[in-house]
Amino acid sequence: MAIANHYATLGLDRRCTDAQIRDAYRLLAKRHHPDVNHGAREAVAQTQLLNAAYEVLGDPERRRDHDRELDAKPKPAARAAKGMLNLTQGVHLRIEEFVRGTTLEVRVNDPSNADAPEIYPLTIPAETAPGARFRVPRAGGGVVIVRVKARPDFRFKVRGSDLRCDLRIRAQRAAQGGTESVRGVAGNYLHVPIPPRVARGEIVRIAGEGLPKPRGGRGDLLVRILYCPEVRITRASGR
């Protein structure tokens, strides 16, 4: 009988802490709860797998036994070459998901695996930088390397960890200056200082309101100021 990899079920590495096990279980159990998914059979089945994984990994003694089982698990002959088991796949996230975090489902349809499809949860933590890579262990050995990218967005353009957006203002505001507001990546409204006599196309930089950086911190939000100058046409005097 195949031995289930309870770490893979929770989207965790074997070196994870007890707190990480608990947090991953709570997050996934909430997401896959049958009441949230209208009683779907897949949700029921996934909830049962999550419960079984937490019952084992949440008990230190049972976790040690499970580790020994995984260490002693024979590798199937058809999948002996470990390098052949490693897969790489990119996925596009919404802009706000890099800041808030999200949970994904990694599905592998491998004809050589009698238990296919393989389904693994993947938790993307808050403050993840675009381009980050995650290793999802496969039950039969090997990993799926998932690289997260930014999905094209109608409000923002992504430049590394910086975001760009347009702000259209009235010509009177451009002349006098003042303050306008734009909606940030997390849904909050940000104040944009408009200098008097601002030029069309000028960029106002709002520090720390971009996407997360690989080594911590956030990029900037670059706001391009757009407006239409007033044009008045009058009849020439004496005509």
C-alpha atoms as a PDB file:
ATOM      1  CA  MET A   1       0.000   0.000   0.000  1.00  0.00           C
ATOM      2  CA  ALA A   2       1.324   3.433  -0.933  1.00  0.00           C
ATOM      3  CA  ILE A   3       2.401   5.597   1.998  1.00  0.00           C
ATOM      4  CA  ALA A   4       0.841   9.054   1.965  1.00  0.00           C
ATOM      5  CA  ASN A   5       3.227  11.960   2.403  1.00  0.00           C
ATOM      6  CA  HIS A   6       1.414  14.088   4.963  1.00  0.00           C
ATOM      7  CA  TYR A   7       3.944  16.906   4.561  1.00  0.00           C
ATOM      8  CA  ALA A   8       3.072  17.159   0.876  1.00  0.00           C
ATOM      9  CA  THR A   9      -0.635  17.228   1.747  1.00  0.00           C
ATOM     10  CA  LEU A  10      -0.051  20.355   3.842  1.00  0.00           C
ATOM     11  CA  GLY A  11       2.384  21.850   1.334  1.00  0.00           C
ATOM     12  CA  LEU A  12       5.253  21.710   3.826  1.00  0.00           C
ATOM     13  CA  ASP A  13       8.854  20.565   3.995  1.00  0.00           C
ATOM     14  CA  ARG A  14       9.884  17.856   6.470  1.00  0.00           C
ATOM     15  CA  ARG A  15      11.956  20.421   8.358  1.00  0.00           C
ATOM     16  CA  CYS A  16       8.853  22.497   9.178  1.00  0.00           C
ATOM     17  CA  THR A  17       8.036  23.525  12.734  1.00  0.00           C
ATOM     18  CA  ASP A  18       4.981  22.560  14.778  1.00  0.00           C
ATOM     19  CA  ALA A  19       3.653  26.107  14.378  1.00  0.00           C
ATOM     20  CA  GLN A  20       3.976  25.898  10.585  1.00  0.00           C
ATOM     21  CA  ILE A  21       2.087  22.597  10.600  1.00  0.00           C
ATOM     22  CA  ARG A  22      -0.706  24.114  12.653  1.00  0.00           C
ATOM     23  CA  ASP A  23      -0.940  27.284  10.548  1.00  0.00           C
ATOM     24  CA  ALA A  24      -0.929  25.390   7.232  1.00  0.00           C
ATOM     25  CA  TYR A  25      -3.644  23.028   8.444  1.00  0.00           C
ATOM     26  CA  ARG A  26      -5.907  25.828   9.653  1.00  0.00           C
ATOM     27  CA  LEU A  27      -5.543  27.786   6.420  1.00  0.00           C
ATOM     28  CA  LEU A  28      -6.153  24.811   4.131  1.00  0.00           C
ATOM     29  CA  ALA A  29      -8.952  23.318   6.231  1.00  0.00           C
ATOM     30  CA  LYS A  30     -10.793  26.652   6.043  1.00  0.00           C
ATOM     31  CA  ARG A  31     -10.294  26.888   2.291  1.00  0.00           C
ATOM     32  CA  HIS A  32     -11.397  23.317   1.508  1.00  0.00           C
ATOM     33  CA  HIS A  33     -14.188  23.007   4.077  1.00  0.00           C
ATOM     34  CA  PRO A  34     -17.264  21.399   2.441  1.00  0.00           C
ATOM     35  CA  ASP A  35     -19.542  24.149   3.744  1.00  0.00           C
ATOM     36  CA  VAL A  36     -17.482  26.734   1.855  1.00  0.00           C
ATOM     37  CA  ASN A  37     -17.413  24.603  -1.302  1.00  0.00           C
ATOM     38  CA  HIS A  38     -21.130  23.660  -1.335  1.00  0.00           C
ATOM     39  CA  GLY A  39     -20.420  20.071  -0.321  1.00  0.00           C
ATOM     40  CA  ALA A  40     -18.338  19.273  -3.410  1.00  0.00           C
ATOM     41  CA  ARG A  41     -16.885  15.758  -3.383  1.00  0.00           C
ATOM     42  CA  GLU A  42     -13.366  17.033  -4.032  1.00  0.00           C
ATOM     43  CA  ALA A  43     -13.640  19.358  -1.031  1.00  0.00           C
ATOM     44  CA  VAL A  44     -14.813  16.501   1.196  1.00  0.00           C
ATOM     45  CA  ALA A  45     -11.985  14.254   0.025  1.00  0.00           C
ATOM     46  CA  GLN A  46      -9.363  16.987   0.456  1.00  0.00           C
ATOM     47  CA  THR A  47     -10.659  17.790   3.944  1.00  0.00           C
ATOM     48  CA  GLN A  48     -10.286  14.135   4.917  1.00  0.00           C
ATOM     49  CA  LEU A  49      -6.686  14.145   3.663  1.00  0.00           C
ATOM     50  CA  LEU A  50      -5.926  17.334   5.598  1.00  0.00           C
ATOM     51  CA  ASN A  51      -7.425  15.940   8.795  1.00  0.00           C
ATOM     52  CA  ALA A  52      -5.433  12.732   8.454  1.00  0.00           C
ATOM     53  CA  ALA A  53      -2.218  14.679   7.843  1.00  0.00           C
ATOM     54  CA  TYR A  54      -2.746  16.903  10.866  1.00  0.00           C
ATOM     55  CA  GLU A  55      -3.611  13.976  13.143  1.00  0.00           C
ATOM     56  CA  VAL A  56      -0.231  12.442  12.319  1.00  0.00           C
ATOM     57  CA  LEU A  57       2.013  15.503  12.101  1.00  0.00           C
ATOM     58  CA  GLY A  58       0.378  17.220  15.043  1.00  0.00           C
ATOM     59  CA  ASP A  59       1.447  14.359  17.340  1.00  0.00           C
ATOM     60  CA  PRO A  60       5.251  14.302  17.883  1.00  0.00           C
ATOM     61  CA  GLU A  61       5.427  10.541  18.318  1.00  0.00           C
ATOM     62  CA  ARG A  62       3.251   9.784  15.302  1.00  0.00           C
ATOM     63  CA  ARG A  63       5.243  12.325  13.291  1.00  0.00           C
ATOM     64  CA  ARG A  64       8.505  10.496  14.104  1.00  0.00           C
ATOM     65  CA  ASP A  65       6.924   7.204  13.014  1.00  0.00           C
ATOM     66  CA  HIS A  66       5.773   8.842   9.776  1.00  0.00           C
ATOM     67  CA  ASP A  67       9.282  10.164   9.127  1.00  0.00           C
ATOM     68  CA  ARG A  68      10.674   6.659   9.533  1.00  0.00           C
ATOM     69  CA  GLU A  69       8.053   5.324   7.112  1.00  0.00           C
ATOM     70  CA  LEU A  70       8.995   7.924   4.517  1.00  0.00           C
ATOM     71  CA  ASP A  71      12.697   7.152   4.918  1.00  0.00           C
ATOM     72  CA  ALA A  72      12.030   3.446   4.398  1.00  0.00           C
ATOM     73  CA  LYS A  73       9.633   3.943   1.491  1.00  0.00           C
ATOM     74  CA  PRO A  74      10.885   2.117  -1.620  1.00  0.00           C
ATOM     75  CA  LYS A  75      11.235   4.181  -4.781  1.00  0.00           C
ATOM     76  CA  PRO A  76       9.139   2.839  -7.676  1.00  0.00           C
ATOM     77  CA  ALA A  77      11.300   1.420 -10.489  1.00  0.00           C
ATOM     78  CA  ALA A  78       9.434   3.403 -13.136  1.00  0.00           C
ATOM     79  CA  ARG A  79      10.345   6.616 -11.311  1.00  0.00           C
ATOM     80  CA  ALA A  80      13.853   5.753 -10.160  1.00  0.00           C
ATOM     81  CA  ALA A  81      15.630   8.629 -11.910  1.00  0.00           C
ATOM     82  CA  LYS A  82      15.019  11.460  -9.469  1.00  0.00           C
ATOM     83  CA  GLY A  83      15.934  14.151 -11.943  1.00  0.00           C
ATOM     84  CA  MET A  84      13.045  13.018 -14.144  1.00  0.00           C
ATOM     85  CA  LEU A  85      10.644  13.652 -11.282  1.00  0.00           C
ATOM     86  CA  ASN A  86      11.456  17.352 -10.954  1.00  0.00           C
ATOM     87  CA  LEU A  87       9.077  19.709 -12.739  1.00  0.00           C
ATOM     88  CA  THR A  88       9.041  23.480 -13.213  1.00  0.00           C
ATOM     89  CA  GLN A  89       5.916  25.561 -13.722  1.00  0.00           C
ATOM     90  CA  GLY A  90       5.156  29.276 -13.642  1.00  0.00           C
ATOM     91  CA  VAL A  91       1.939  30.779 -12.307  1.00  0.00           C
ATOM     92  CA  HIS A  92       0.541  34.305 -12.522  1.00  0.00           C
ATOM     93  CA  LEU A  93      -0.763  35.917  -9.339  1.00  0.00           C
ATOM     94  CA  ARG A  94      -2.953  38.965  -9.009  1.00  0.00           C
ATOM     95  CA  ILE A  95      -1.035  42.054  -7.929  1.00  0.00           C
ATOM     96  CA  GLU A  96      -2.612  42.156  -4.478  1.00  0.00           C
ATOM     97  CA  GLU A  97      -1.817  38.485  -3.797  1.00  0.00           C
ATOM     98  CA  PHE A  98       1.906  39.275  -3.578  1.00  0.00           C
ATOM     99  CA  VAL A  99       1.112  41.556  -0.643  1.00  0.00           C
ATOM    100  CA  ARG A 100      -1.687  39.622   1.062  1.00  0.00           C
ATOM    101  CA  GLY A 101      -0.682  36.046   0.247  1.00  0.00           C
ATOM    102  CA  THR A 102      -2.885  33.278  -1.143  1.00  0.00           C
ATOM    103  CA  THR A 103      -3.261  29.501  -1.392  1.00  0.00           C
ATOM    104  CA  LEU A 104      -2.893  27.572  -4.637  1.00  0.00           C
ATOM    105  CA  GLU A 105      -3.449  23.989  -5.701  1.00  0.00           C
ATOM    106  CA  VAL A 106      -0.700  22.227  -7.638  1.00  0.00           C
ATOM    107  CA  ARG A 107      -2.041  19.379  -9.754  1.00  0.00           C
ATOM    108  CA  VAL A 108       0.310  16.932 -11.516  1.00  0.00           C
ATOM    109  CA  ASN A 109      -1.046  14.488 -14.083  1.00  0.00           C
ATOM    110  CA  ASP A 110       1.780  11.973 -14.497  1.00  0.00           C
ATOM    111  CA  PRO A 111       0.898   8.872 -16.589  1.00  0.00           C
ATOM    112  CA  SER A 112       3.588   6.877 -14.764  1.00  0.00           C
ATOM    113  CA  ASN A 113       1.882   7.421 -11.424  1.00  0.00           C
ATOM    114  CA  ALA A 114      -0.899   4.949 -10.739  1.00  0.00           C
ATOM    115  CA  ASP A 115      -2.349   7.277  -8.112  1.00  0.00           C
ATOM    116  CA  ALA A 116      -2.627  10.240 -10.499  1.00  0.00           C
ATOM    117  CA  PRO A 117      -3.582  12.997 -10.406  1.00  0.00           C
ATOM    118  CA  GLU A 118      -1.288  14.284  -7.678  1.00  0.00           C
ATOM    119  CA  ILE A 119      -2.768  17.266  -5.841  1.00  0.00           C
ATOM    120  CA  TYR A 120      -0.722  19.404  -3.484  1.00  0.00           C
ATOM    121  CA  PRO A 121      -1.608  22.645  -1.682  1.00  0.00           C
ATOM    122  CA  LEU A 122       0.831  25.535  -1.978  1.00  0.00           C
ATOM    123  CA  THR A 123       0.680  28.456   0.424  1.00  0.00           C
ATOM    124  CA  ILE A 124       2.052  31.746  -0.914  1.00  0.00           C
ATOM    125  CA  PRO A 125       2.877  33.858   2.155  1.00  0.00           C
ATOM    126  CA  ALA A 126       2.211  37.565   2.409  1.00  0.00           C
ATOM    127  CA  GLU A 127       4.995  39.873   1.180  1.00  0.00           C
ATOM    128  CA  THR A 128       6.171  37.515  -1.567  1.00  0.00           C
ATOM    129  CA  ALA A 129       8.311  39.104  -4.273  1.00  0.00           C
ATOM    130  CA  PRO A 130       7.563  38.570  -7.979  1.00  0.00           C
ATOM    131  CA  GLY A 131       9.849  35.888  -9.363  1.00  0.00           C
ATOM    132  CA  ALA A 132       9.992  33.933  -6.092  1.00  0.00           C
ATOM    133  CA  ARG A 133      10.250  30.156  -6.408  1.00  0.00           C
ATOM    134  CA  PHE A 134       8.574  27.512  -4.246  1.00  0.00           C
ATOM    135  CA  ARG A 135       9.478  23.816  -4.007  1.00  0.00           C
ATOM    136  CA  VAL A 136       6.494  21.488  -3.702  1.00  0.00           C
ATOM    137  CA  PRO A 137       7.557  17.922  -2.751  1.00  0.00           C
ATOM    138  CA  ARG A 138       5.940  15.153  -4.801  1.00  0.00           C
ATOM    139  CA  ALA A 139       4.640  12.067  -3.017  1.00  0.00           C
ATOM    140  CA  GLY A 140       6.754   9.665  -5.107  1.00  0.00           C
ATOM    141  CA  GLY A 141       9.924  11.739  -4.960  1.00  0.00           C
ATOM    142  CA  GLY A 142      11.077  14.839  -6.783  1.00  0.00           C
ATOM    143  CA  VAL A 143       9.592  18.316  -6.578  1.00  0.00           C
ATOM    144  CA  VAL A 144       7.524  20.811  -8.527  1.00  0.00           C
ATOM    145  CA  ILE A 145       9.300  24.163  -8.651  1.00  0.00           C
ATOM    146  CA  VAL A 146       6.675  26.900  -8.912  1.00  0.00           C
ATOM    147  CA  ARG A 147       7.737  30.408  -9.971  1.00  0.00           C
ATOM    148  CA  VAL A 148       5.252  33.187  -9.283  1.00  0.00           C
ATOM    149  CA  LYS A 149       4.813  36.020 -11.765  1.00  0.00           C
ATOM    150  CA  ALA A 150       2.607  39.111 -11.844  1.00  0.00           C
ATOM    151  CA  ARG A 151      -0.574  38.860 -13.891  1.00  0.00           C
ATOM    152  CA  PRO A 152      -1.175  41.823 -16.239  1.00  0.00           C
ATOM    153  CA  ASP A 153      -3.359  44.346 -14.431  1.00  0.00           C
ATOM    154  CA  PHE A 154      -5.537  47.121 -15.823  1.00  0.00           C
ATOM    155  CA  ARG A 155      -4.500  49.543 -13.067  1.00  0.00           C
ATOM    156  CA  PHE A 156      -0.800  48.888 -12.646  1.00  0.00           C
ATOM    157  CA  LYS A 157       2.211  48.076 -14.765  1.00  0.00           C
ATOM    158  CA  VAL A 158       4.917  46.035 -13.046  1.00  0.00           C
ATOM    159  CA  ARG A 159       8.588  46.983 -13.319  1.00  0.00           C
ATOM    160  CA  GLY A 160      10.471  44.644 -11.000  1.00  0.00           C
ATOM    161  CA  SER A 161       9.203  45.559  -7.533  1.00  0.00           C
ATOM    162  CA  ASP A 162       7.953  48.990  -8.671  1.00  0.00           C
ATOM    163  CA  LEU A 163       4.430  49.669  -9.876  1.00  0.00           C
ATOM    164  CA  ARG A 164       3.334  52.321 -12.358  1.00  0.00           C
ATOM    165  CA  CYS A 165      -0.107  53.866 -12.730  1.00  0.00           C
ATOM    166  CA  ASP A 166      -1.748  56.924 -14.275  1.00  0.00           C
ATOM    167  CA  LEU A 167      -3.577  59.694 -12.436  1.00  0.00           C
ATOM    168  CA  ARG A 168      -5.802  62.023 -14.466  1.00  0.00           C
ATOM    169  CA  ILE A 169      -6.431  65.430 -12.927  1.00  0.00           C
ATOM    170  CA  ARG A 170      -8.071  68.711 -13.984  1.00  0.00           C
ATOM    171  CA  ALA A 171      -6.037  71.465 -15.547  1.00  0.00           C
ATOM    172  CA  GLN A 172      -6.923  73.729 -12.613  1.00  0.00           C
ATOM    173  CA  ARG A 173      -5.370  71.233 -10.176  1.00  0.00           C
ATOM    174  CA  ALA A 174      -2.269  71.016 -12.364  1.00  0.00           C
ATOM    175  CA  ALA A 175      -1.913  74.779 -12.249  1.00  0.00           C
ATOM    176  CA  GLN A 176      -2.540  75.285  -8.543  1.00  0.00           C
ATOM    177  CA  GLY A 177      -1.140  72.044  -7.136  1.00  0.00           C
ATOM    178  CA  GLY A 178      -2.587  70.239  -4.159  1.00  0.00           C
ATOM    179  CA  THR A 179      -3.349  66.645  -3.232  1.00  0.00           C
ATOM    180  CA  GLU A 180      -5.124  63.868  -5.089  1.00  0.00           C
ATOM    181  CA  SER A 181      -5.587  60.207  -4.176  1.00  0.00           C
ATOM    182  CA  VAL A 182      -5.083  56.846  -5.877  1.00  0.00           C
ATOM    183  CA  ARG A 183      -5.986  53.371  -4.752  1.00  0.00           C
ATOM    184  CA  GLY A 184      -2.915  51.370  -3.704  1.00  0.00           C
ATOM    185  CA  VAL A 185      -2.129  47.728  -4.367  1.00  0.00           C
ATOM    186  CA  ALA A 186      -3.659  46.637  -1.047  1.00  0.00           C
ATOM    187  CA  GLY A 187      -6.894  48.574  -1.683  1.00  0.00           C
ATOM    188  CA  ASN A 188      -6.025  51.515   0.556  1.00  0.00           C
ATOM    189  CA  TYR A 189      -6.125  55.077  -0.734  1.00  0.00           C
ATOM    190  CA  LEU A 190      -2.840  56.945  -1.012  1.00  0.00           C
ATOM    191  CA  HIS A 191      -2.270  60.717  -1.061  1.00  0.00           C
ATOM    192  CA  VAL A 192      -0.447  61.984  -4.160  1.00  0.00           C
ATOM    193  CA  PRO A 193       1.107  65.459  -3.784  1.00  0.00           C
ATOM    194  CA  ILE A 194       0.658  67.516  -6.955  1.00  0.00           C
ATOM    195  CA  PRO A 195       3.253  70.285  -7.320  1.00  0.00           C
ATOM    196  CA  PRO A 196       2.006  73.597  -8.792  1.00  0.00           C
ATOM    197  CA  ARG A 197       2.353  73.881 -12.572  1.00  0.00           C
ATOM    198  CA  VAL A 198       3.109  70.190 -12.865  1.00  0.00           C
ATOM    199  CA  ALA A 199       3.996  69.054 -16.378  1.00  0.00           C
ATOM    200  CA  ARG A 200       1.952  66.458 -18.225  1.00  0.00           C
ATOM    201  CA  GLY A 201       3.591  63.065 -17.867  1.00  0.00           C
ATOM    202  CA  GLU A 202       5.555  64.013 -14.757  1.00  0.00           C
ATOM    203  CA  ILE A 203       6.124  61.121 -12.328  1.00  0.00           C
ATOM    204  CA  VAL A 204       5.341  61.385  -8.622  1.00  0.00           C
ATOM    205  CA  ARG A 205       7.029  58.632  -6.602  1.00  0.00           C
ATOM    206  CA  ILE A 206       5.315  57.187  -3.524  1.00  0.00           C
ATOM    207  CA  ALA A 207       7.939  55.231  -1.613  1.00  0.00           C
ATOM    208  CA  GLY A 208       7.188  51.779  -0.223  1.00  0.00           C
ATOM    209  CA  GLU A 209       3.842  51.280  -1.979  1.00  0.00           C
ATOM    210  CA  GLY A 210       5.009  48.896  -4.689  1.00  0.00           C
ATOM    211  CA  LEU A 211       5.458  45.127  -4.596  1.00  0.00           C
ATOM    212  CA  PRO A 212       7.609  43.213  -2.098  1.00  0.00           C
ATOM    213  CA  LYS A 213      11.332  43.007  -2.808  1.00  0.00           C
ATOM    214  CA  PRO A 214      13.248  39.699  -2.717  1.00  0.00           C
ATOM    215  CA  ARG A 215      15.346  40.821   0.262  1.00  0.00           C
ATOM    216  CA  GLY A 216      12.618  42.582   2.178  1.00  0.00           C
ATOM    217  CA  GLY A 217      10.856  45.907   1.985  1.00  0.00           C
ATOM    218  CA  ARG A 218       8.626  47.163  -0.782  1.00  0.00           C
ATOM    219  CA  GLY A 219       9.243  48.884  -4.099  1.00  0.00           C
ATOM    220  CA  ASP A 220       7.719  52.246  -5.020  1.00  0.00           C
ATOM    221  CA  LEU A 221       4.521  53.332  -6.730  1.00  0.00           C
ATOM    222  CA  LEU A 222       5.251  55.634  -9.674  1.00  0.00           C
ATOM    223  CA  VAL A 223       2.247  57.816 -10.489  1.00  0.00           C
ATOM    224  CA  ARG A 224       2.206  59.497 -13.914  1.00  0.00           C
ATOM    225  CA  ILE A 225       0.242  62.760 -13.922  1.00  0.00           C
ATOM    226  CA  LEU A 226      -2.053  63.268 -16.898  1.00  0.00           C
ATOM    227  CA  TYR A 227      -4.384  66.159 -17.734  1.00  0.00           C
ATOM    228  CA  CYS A 228      -5.798  67.999 -20.709  1.00  0.00           C
ATOM    229  CA  PRO A 229      -4.864  71.705 -20.976  1.00  0.00           C
ATOM    230  CA  GLU A 230      -7.755  74.094 -21.376  1.00  0.00           C
ATOM    231  CA  VAL A 231      -8.280  75.376 -24.922  1.00  0.00           C
ATOM    232  CA  ARG A 232     -10.547  78.406 -25.536  1.00  0.00           C
ATOM    233  CA  ILE A 233     -11.408  79.736 -28.947  1.00  0.00           C
ATOM    234  CA  THR A 234     -12.916  83.230 -29.295  1.00  0.00           C
ATOM    235  CA  ARG A 235     -13.741  85.433 -32.223  1.00  0.00           C
ATOM    236  CA  ALA A 236     -11.011  87.910 -32.995  1.00  0.00           C
ATOM    237  CA  SER A 237     -11.907  91.547 -32.161  1.00  0.00           C
ATOM    238  CA  GLY A 238     -13.197  93.613 -35.045  1.00  0.00           C
ATOM    239  CA  ARG A 239     -14.345  90.626 -37.074  1.00  0.00           C
END
